[in-house]
């Protein structure tokens, strides 16, 4: 299975992907964070999801591209 497949499957199973600025509690953050590959990093700072600059600035690595593609494929509001 590919990373993209795993992320799409998570969205189909009702696990929304993380967005920069989302507000949530730690258990919800960890539930969503678990579907991402190990080298894709998000942080929960004061209840807000923070995406590191390298990810937001279009990191060219394959895993980051796959995570962005899955997020776009999930559609708006996911």
PDB file of N, CA and C in Angstrom:
ATOM      1  N   UNK A   1       0.831  -1.190   0.000  1.00  0.00           N
ATOM      2  CA  UNK A   1       0.000   0.000   0.000  1.00  0.00           C
ATOM      3  C   UNK A   1       0.874   1.251   0.000  1.00  0.00           C
ATOM      4  N   UNK A   2       0.412   2.246  -0.691  1.00  0.00           N
ATOM      5  CA  UNK A   2       1.169   3.487  -0.758  1.00  0.00           C
ATOM      6  C   UNK A   2       0.698   4.456   0.318  1.00  0.00           C
ATOM      7  N   UNK A   3       1.492   5.476   0.534  1.00  0.00           N
ATOM      8  CA  UNK A   3       1.135   6.511   1.498  1.00  0.00           C
ATOM      9  C   UNK A   3      -0.158   7.185   1.079  1.00  0.00           C
ATOM     10  N   UNK A   4      -0.259   7.497  -0.206  1.00  0.00           N
ATOM     11  CA  UNK A   4      -1.459   8.152  -0.719  1.00  0.00           C
ATOM     12  C   UNK A   4      -2.689   7.285  -0.473  1.00  0.00           C
ATOM     13  N   UNK A   5      -2.562   5.985  -0.709  1.00  0.00           N
ATOM     14  CA  UNK A   5      -3.673   5.069  -0.469  1.00  0.00           C
ATOM     15  C   UNK A   5      -4.090   5.075   1.000  1.00  0.00           C
ATOM     16  N   UNK A   6      -3.097   5.049   1.895  1.00  0.00           N
ATOM     17  CA  UNK A   6      -3.395   5.054   3.333  1.00  0.00           C
ATOM     18  C   UNK A   6      -4.129   6.320   3.755  1.00  0.00           C
ATOM     19  N   UNK A   7      -3.697   7.466   3.250  1.00  0.00           N
ATOM     20  CA  UNK A   7      -4.357   8.723   3.610  1.00  0.00           C
ATOM     21  C   UNK A   7      -5.770   8.791   3.046  1.00  0.00           C
ATOM     22  N   UNK A   8      -5.941   8.344   1.806  1.00  0.00           N
ATOM     23  CA  UNK A   8      -7.294   8.330   1.230  1.00  0.00           C
ATOM     24  C   UNK A   8      -8.208   7.401   2.014  1.00  0.00           C
ATOM     25  N   UNK A   9      -7.687   6.246   2.404  1.00  0.00           N
ATOM     26  CA  UNK A   9      -8.478   5.289   3.180  1.00  0.00           C
ATOM     27  C   UNK A   9      -8.878   5.884   4.518  1.00  0.00           C
ATOM     28  N   UNK A  10      -7.970   6.605   5.157  1.00  0.00           N
ATOM     29  CA  UNK A  10      -8.286   7.248   6.440  1.00  0.00           C
ATOM     30  C   UNK A  10      -9.411   8.256   6.275  1.00  0.00           C
ATOM     31  N   UNK A  11      -9.369   9.027   5.199  1.00  0.00           N
ATOM     32  CA  UNK A  11     -10.426  10.010   4.955  1.00  0.00           C
ATOM     33  C   UNK A  11     -11.757   9.300   4.714  1.00  0.00           C
ATOM     34  N   UNK A  12     -11.741   8.217   3.953  1.00  0.00           N
ATOM     35  CA  UNK A  12     -12.972   7.458   3.711  1.00  0.00           C
ATOM     36  C   UNK A  12     -13.534   6.878   4.993  1.00  0.00           C
ATOM     37  N   UNK A  13     -12.651   6.542   5.935  1.00  0.00           N
ATOM     38  CA  UNK A  13     -13.089   5.978   7.216  1.00  0.00           C
ATOM     39  C   UNK A  13     -13.478   7.049   8.221  1.00  0.00           C
ATOM     40  N   UNK A  14     -13.517   8.293   7.783  1.00  0.00           N
ATOM     41  CA  UNK A  14     -13.984   9.363   8.655  1.00  0.00           C
ATOM     42  C   UNK A  14     -12.922  10.044   9.491  1.00  0.00           C
ATOM     43  N   UNK A  15     -11.657   9.858   9.146  1.00  0.00           N
ATOM     44  CA  UNK A  15     -10.578  10.541   9.870  1.00  0.00           C
ATOM     45  C   UNK A  15     -10.190  11.768   9.058  1.00  0.00           C
ATOM     46  N   UNK A  16     -10.620  12.965   9.479  1.00  0.00           N
ATOM     47  CA  UNK A  16     -10.259  14.171   8.727  1.00  0.00           C
ATOM     48  C   UNK A  16      -8.752  14.419   8.801  1.00  0.00           C
ATOM     49  N   UNK A  17      -8.191  14.945   7.736  1.00  0.00           N
ATOM     50  CA  UNK A  17      -6.778  15.258   7.732  1.00  0.00           C
ATOM     51  C   UNK A  17      -6.523  16.540   8.514  1.00  0.00           C
ATOM     52  N   UNK A  18      -5.285  16.722   8.931  1.00  0.00           N
ATOM     53  CA  UNK A  18      -4.917  17.896   9.715  1.00  0.00           C
ATOM     54  C   UNK A  18      -4.727  19.110   8.818  1.00  0.00           C
ATOM     55  N   UNK A  19      -5.151  20.253   9.288  1.00  0.00           N
ATOM     56  CA  UNK A  19      -4.999  21.529   8.592  1.00  0.00           C
ATOM     57  C   UNK A  19      -4.293  22.495   9.511  1.00  0.00           C
ATOM     58  N   UNK A  20      -3.417  23.308   8.961  1.00  0.00           N
ATOM     59  CA  UNK A  20      -2.769  24.338   9.746  1.00  0.00           C
ATOM     60  C   UNK A  20      -3.827  25.259  10.348  1.00  0.00           C
ATOM     61  N   UNK A  21      -3.767  25.456  11.668  1.00  0.00           N
ATOM     62  CA  UNK A  21      -4.718  26.339  12.334  1.00  0.00           C
ATOM     63  C   UNK A  21      -5.935  25.641  12.920  1.00  0.00           C
ATOM     64  N   UNK A  22      -6.119  24.346  12.627  1.00  0.00           N
ATOM     65  CA  UNK A  22      -7.243  23.611  13.240  1.00  0.00           C
ATOM     66  C   UNK A  22      -7.118  23.669  14.757  1.00  0.00           C
ATOM     67  N   UNK A  23      -8.245  23.787  15.441  1.00  0.00           N
ATOM     68  CA  UNK A  23      -8.254  23.752  16.905  1.00  0.00           C
ATOM     69  C   UNK A  23      -8.817  22.412  17.348  1.00  0.00           C
ATOM     70  N   UNK A  24      -8.096  21.752  18.264  1.00  0.00           N
ATOM     71  CA  UNK A  24      -8.565  20.462  18.766  1.00  0.00           C
ATOM     72  C   UNK A  24      -7.813  20.095  20.036  1.00  0.00           C
ATOM     73  N   UNK A  25      -8.333  19.094  20.698  1.00  0.00           N
ATOM     74  CA  UNK A  25      -7.680  18.581  21.902  1.00  0.00           C
ATOM     75  C   UNK A  25      -6.681  17.502  21.505  1.00  0.00           C
ATOM     76  N   UNK A  26      -5.782  17.173  22.431  1.00  0.00           N
ATOM     77  CA  UNK A  26      -4.700  16.254  22.150  1.00  0.00           C
ATOM     78  C   UNK A  26      -5.160  14.872  21.664  1.00  0.00           C
ATOM     79  N   UNK A  27      -6.188  14.247  22.273  1.00  0.00           N
ATOM     80  CA  UNK A  27      -6.588  12.919  21.771  1.00  0.00           C
ATOM     81  C   UNK A  27      -7.028  12.948  20.302  1.00  0.00           C
ATOM     82  N   UNK A  28      -7.758  13.980  19.898  1.00  0.00           N
ATOM     83  CA  UNK A  28      -8.189  14.092  18.497  1.00  0.00           C
ATOM     84  C   UNK A  28      -6.993  14.326  17.588  1.00  0.00           C
ATOM     85  N   UNK A  29      -6.066  15.154  18.033  1.00  0.00           N
ATOM     86  CA  UNK A  29      -4.856  15.408  17.249  1.00  0.00           C
ATOM     87  C   UNK A  29      -4.095  14.099  16.997  1.00  0.00           C
ATOM     88  N   UNK A  30      -3.897  13.312  18.020  1.00  0.00           N
ATOM     89  CA  UNK A  30      -3.157  12.056  17.867  1.00  0.00           C
ATOM     90  C   UNK A  30      -3.896  11.060  16.980  1.00  0.00           C
ATOM     91  N   UNK A  31      -5.197  11.033  17.054  1.00  0.00           N
ATOM     92  CA  UNK A  31      -5.989  10.136  16.197  1.00  0.00           C
ATOM     93  C   UNK A  31      -5.756  10.475  14.729  1.00  0.00           C
ATOM     94  N   UNK A  32      -5.773  11.763  14.406  1.00  0.00           N
ATOM     95  CA  UNK A  32      -5.559  12.174  13.018  1.00  0.00           C
ATOM     96  C   UNK A  32      -4.101  12.039  12.595  1.00  0.00           C
ATOM     97  N   UNK A  33      -3.187  12.338  13.505  1.00  0.00           N
ATOM     98  CA  UNK A  33      -1.756  12.326  13.206  1.00  0.00           C
ATOM     99  C   UNK A  33      -1.259  10.920  12.876  1.00  0.00           C
ATOM    100  N   UNK A  34      -1.872   9.907  13.437  1.00  0.00           N
ATOM    101  CA  UNK A  34      -1.433   8.523  13.241  1.00  0.00           C
ATOM    102  C   UNK A  34      -1.538   8.053  11.796  1.00  0.00           C
ATOM    103  N   UNK A  35      -2.361   8.665  10.972  1.00  0.00           N
ATOM    104  CA  UNK A  35      -2.514   8.206   9.591  1.00  0.00           C
ATOM    105  C   UNK A  35      -1.412   8.733   8.672  1.00  0.00           C
ATOM    106  N   UNK A  36      -0.601   9.676   9.146  1.00  0.00           N
ATOM    107  CA  UNK A  36       0.463  10.244   8.327  1.00  0.00           C
ATOM    108  C   UNK A  36       1.737   9.418   8.428  1.00  0.00           C
ATOM    109  N   UNK A  37       2.590   9.471   7.395  1.00  0.00           N
ATOM    110  CA  UNK A  37       3.884   8.794   7.465  1.00  0.00           C
ATOM    111  C   UNK A  37       4.742   9.402   8.577  1.00  0.00           C
ATOM    112  N   UNK A  38       5.736   8.655   9.027  1.00  0.00           N
ATOM    113  CA  UNK A  38       6.573   9.091  10.149  1.00  0.00           C
ATOM    114  C   UNK A  38       7.333  10.383   9.894  1.00  0.00           C
ATOM    115  N   UNK A  39       7.681  10.664   8.647  1.00  0.00           N
ATOM    116  CA  UNK A  39       8.486  11.851   8.398  1.00  0.00           C
ATOM    117  C   UNK A  39       7.659  13.103   8.066  1.00  0.00           C
ATOM    118  N   UNK A  40       6.347  13.017   8.158  1.00  0.00           N
ATOM    119  CA  UNK A  40       5.489  14.199   8.014  1.00  0.00           C
ATOM    120  C   UNK A  40       5.163  14.667   9.423  1.00  0.00           C
ATOM    121  N   UNK A  41       5.491  15.924   9.690  1.00  0.00           N
ATOM    122  CA  UNK A  41       5.409  16.426  11.055  1.00  0.00           C
ATOM    123  C   UNK A  41       4.338  17.496  11.215  1.00  0.00           C
ATOM    124  N   UNK A  42       3.563  17.361  12.248  1.00  0.00           N
ATOM    125  CA  UNK A  42       2.609  18.369  12.688  1.00  0.00           C
ATOM    126  C   UNK A  42       2.835  18.559  14.176  1.00  0.00           C
ATOM    127  N   UNK A  43       2.456  19.709  14.686  1.00  0.00           N
ATOM    128  CA  UNK A  43       2.557  19.959  16.116  1.00  0.00           C
ATOM    129  C   UNK A  43       1.231  20.501  16.611  1.00  0.00           C
ATOM    130  N   UNK A  44       0.932  20.236  17.862  1.00  0.00           N
ATOM    131  CA  UNK A  44      -0.241  20.819  18.505  1.00  0.00           C
ATOM    132  C   UNK A  44       0.291  21.814  19.530  1.00  0.00           C
ATOM    133  N   UNK A  45       0.085  23.090  19.257  1.00  0.00           N
ATOM    134  CA  UNK A  45       0.609  24.151  20.107  1.00  0.00           C
ATOM    135  C   UNK A  45      -0.564  24.949  20.664  1.00  0.00           C
ATOM    136  N   UNK A  46      -0.786  24.815  21.954  1.00  0.00           N
ATOM    137  CA  UNK A  46      -1.884  25.543  22.580  1.00  0.00           C
ATOM    138  C   UNK A  46      -3.240  25.199  21.999  1.00  0.00           C
ATOM    139  N   UNK A  47      -3.406  23.957  21.569  1.00  0.00           N
ATOM    140  CA  UNK A  47      -4.676  23.527  21.002  1.00  0.00           C
ATOM    141  C   UNK A  47      -4.829  23.830  19.523  1.00  0.00           C
ATOM    142  N   UNK A  48      -3.804  24.396  18.895  1.00  0.00           N
ATOM    143  CA  UNK A  48      -3.830  24.710  17.458  1.00  0.00           C
ATOM    144  C   UNK A  48      -2.832  23.832  16.722  1.00  0.00           C
ATOM    145  N   UNK A  49      -3.255  23.314  15.565  1.00  0.00           N
ATOM    146  CA  UNK A  49      -2.368  22.507  14.735  1.00  0.00           C
ATOM    147  C   UNK A  49      -1.410  23.450  14.012  1.00  0.00           C
ATOM    148  N   UNK A  50      -0.127  23.117  14.079  1.00  0.00           N
ATOM    149  CA  UNK A  50       0.900  23.886  13.389  1.00  0.00           C
ATOM    150  C   UNK A  50       1.651  22.963  12.446  1.00  0.00           C
ATOM    151  N   UNK A  51       1.747  23.368  11.192  1.00  0.00           N
ATOM    152  CA  UNK A  51       2.488  22.609  10.195  1.00  0.00           C
ATOM    153  C   UNK A  51       3.832  23.297  10.021  1.00  0.00           C
ATOM    154  N   UNK A  52       4.936  22.567  10.190  1.00  0.00           N
ATOM    155  CA  UNK A  52       6.251  23.196  10.034  1.00  0.00           C
ATOM    156  C   UNK A  52       6.417  23.855   8.673  1.00  0.00           C
ATOM    157  N   UNK A  53       7.239  24.872   8.633  1.00  0.00           N
ATOM    158  CA  UNK A  53       7.432  25.658   7.412  1.00  0.00           C
ATOM    159  C   UNK A  53       7.865  24.788   6.243  1.00  0.00           C
ATOM    160  N   UNK A  54       8.705  23.792   6.465  1.00  0.00           N
ATOM    161  CA  UNK A  54       9.186  22.990   5.341  1.00  0.00           C
ATOM    162  C   UNK A  54       8.040  22.272   4.641  1.00  0.00           C
ATOM    163  N   UNK A  55       6.998  21.890   5.374  1.00  0.00           N
ATOM    164  CA  UNK A  55       5.853  21.224   4.771  1.00  0.00           C
ATOM    165  C   UNK A  55       4.964  22.225   4.041  1.00  0.00           C
ATOM    166  N   UNK A  56       4.754  23.387   4.633  1.00  0.00           N
ATOM    167  CA  UNK A  56       3.910  24.402   4.007  1.00  0.00           C
ATOM    168  C   UNK A  56       4.541  24.983   2.760  1.00  0.00           C
ATOM    169  N   UNK A  57       5.862  25.004   2.687  1.00  0.00           N
ATOM    170  CA  UNK A  57       6.544  25.604   1.536  1.00  0.00           C
ATOM    171  C   UNK A  57       6.795  24.588   0.431  1.00  0.00           C
ATOM    172  N   UNK A  58       5.998  23.578   0.356  1.00  0.00           N
ATOM    173  CA  UNK A  58       6.044  22.602  -0.723  1.00  0.00           C
ATOM    174  C   UNK A  58       7.331  21.790  -0.742  1.00  0.00           C
ATOM    175  N   UNK A  59       7.557  21.106   0.337  1.00  0.00           N
ATOM    176  CA  UNK A  59       8.688  20.187   0.420  1.00  0.00           C
ATOM    177  C   UNK A  59       8.594  19.226  -0.766  1.00  0.00           C
ATOM    178  N   UNK A  60       9.683  19.031  -1.490  1.00  0.00           N
ATOM    179  CA  UNK A  60       9.628  18.190  -2.688  1.00  0.00           C
ATOM    180  C   UNK A  60       9.694  16.688  -2.433  1.00  0.00           C
ATOM    181  N   UNK A  61       9.865  16.258  -1.176  1.00  0.00           N
ATOM    182  CA  UNK A  61      10.008  14.814  -0.957  1.00  0.00           C
ATOM    183  C   UNK A  61       8.703  14.078  -1.290  1.00  0.00           C
ATOM    184  N   UNK A  62       8.848  12.840  -1.647  1.00  0.00           N
ATOM    185  CA  UNK A  62       7.722  12.031  -2.111  1.00  0.00           C
ATOM    186  C   UNK A  62       6.612  11.916  -1.067  1.00  0.00           C
ATOM    187  N   UNK A  63       6.976  11.756   0.196  1.00  0.00           N
ATOM    188  CA  UNK A  63       5.954  11.584   1.231  1.00  0.00           C
ATOM    189  C   UNK A  63       5.149  12.861   1.445  1.00  0.00           C
ATOM    190  N   UNK A  64       5.811  14.000   1.414  1.00  0.00           N
ATOM    191  CA  UNK A  64       5.075  15.263   1.572  1.00  0.00           C
ATOM    192  C   UNK A  64       4.158  15.509   0.372  1.00  0.00           C
ATOM    193  N   UNK A  65       4.654  15.199  -0.818  1.00  0.00           N
ATOM    194  CA  UNK A  65       3.801  15.348  -2.007  1.00  0.00           C
ATOM    195  C   UNK A  65       2.587  14.436  -1.902  1.00  0.00           C
ATOM    196  N   UNK A  66       2.775  13.217  -1.427  1.00  0.00           N
ATOM    197  CA  UNK A  66       1.658  12.277  -1.283  1.00  0.00           C
ATOM    198  C   UNK A  66       0.656  12.778  -0.253  1.00  0.00           C
ATOM    199  N   UNK A  67       1.138  13.328   0.848  1.00  0.00           N
ATOM    200  CA  UNK A  67       0.238  13.846   1.871  1.00  0.00           C
ATOM    201  C   UNK A  67      -0.570  15.024   1.326  1.00  0.00           C
ATOM    202  N   UNK A  68       0.076  15.908   0.576  1.00  0.00           N
ATOM    203  CA  UNK A  68      -0.654  17.040  -0.013  1.00  0.00           C
ATOM    204  C   UNK A  68      -1.676  16.550  -1.039  1.00  0.00           C
ATOM    205  N   UNK A  69      -1.291  15.576  -1.847  1.00  0.00           N
ATOM    206  CA  UNK A  69      -2.200  15.051  -2.873  1.00  0.00           C
ATOM    207  C   UNK A  69      -3.421  14.403  -2.227  1.00  0.00           C
ATOM    208  N   UNK A  70      -3.209  13.666  -1.155  1.00  0.00           N
ATOM    209  CA  UNK A  70      -4.346  13.032  -0.466  1.00  0.00           C
ATOM    210  C   UNK A  70      -5.248  14.095   0.140  1.00  0.00           C
ATOM    211  N   UNK A  71      -4.667  15.124   0.647  1.00  0.00           N
ATOM    212  CA  UNK A  71      -5.462  16.198   1.237  1.00  0.00           C
ATOM    213  C   UNK A  71      -6.313  16.883   0.179  1.00  0.00           C
ATOM    214  N   UNK A  72      -5.729  17.159  -0.976  1.00  0.00           N
ATOM    215  CA  UNK A  72      -6.497  17.775  -2.073  1.00  0.00           C
ATOM    216  C   UNK A  72      -7.603  16.827  -2.543  1.00  0.00           C
ATOM    217  N   UNK A  73      -7.287  15.532  -2.634  1.00  0.00           N
ATOM    218  CA  UNK A  73      -8.266  14.557  -3.100  1.00  0.00           C
ATOM    219  C   UNK A  73      -9.438  14.406  -2.154  1.00  0.00           C
ATOM    220  N   UNK A  74      -9.208  14.690  -0.881  1.00  0.00           N
ATOM    221  CA  UNK A  74     -10.282  14.559   0.115  1.00  0.00           C
ATOM    222  C   UNK A  74     -11.362  15.618  -0.099  1.00  0.00           C
ATOM    223  N   UNK A  75     -11.020  16.681  -0.783  1.00  0.00           N
ATOM    224  CA  UNK A  75     -12.001  17.717  -1.082  1.00  0.00           C
ATOM    225  C   UNK A  75     -12.106  18.756   0.019  1.00  0.00           C
ATOM    226  N   UNK A  76     -12.864  19.803  -0.238  1.00  0.00           N
ATOM    227  CA  UNK A  76     -13.003  20.878   0.723  1.00  0.00           C
ATOM    228  C   UNK A  76     -13.729  20.443   1.994  1.00  0.00           C
ATOM    229  N   UNK A  77     -13.313  21.034   3.095  1.00  0.00           N
ATOM    230  CA  UNK A  77     -14.001  20.764   4.360  1.00  0.00           C
ATOM    231  C   UNK A  77     -13.607  19.478   5.045  1.00  0.00           C
ATOM    232  N   UNK A  78     -12.587  18.794   4.541  1.00  0.00           N
ATOM    233  CA  UNK A  78     -12.189  17.540   5.166  1.00  0.00           C
ATOM    234  C   UNK A  78     -11.137  17.770   6.219  1.00  0.00           C
TER     235      UNK A  78
END
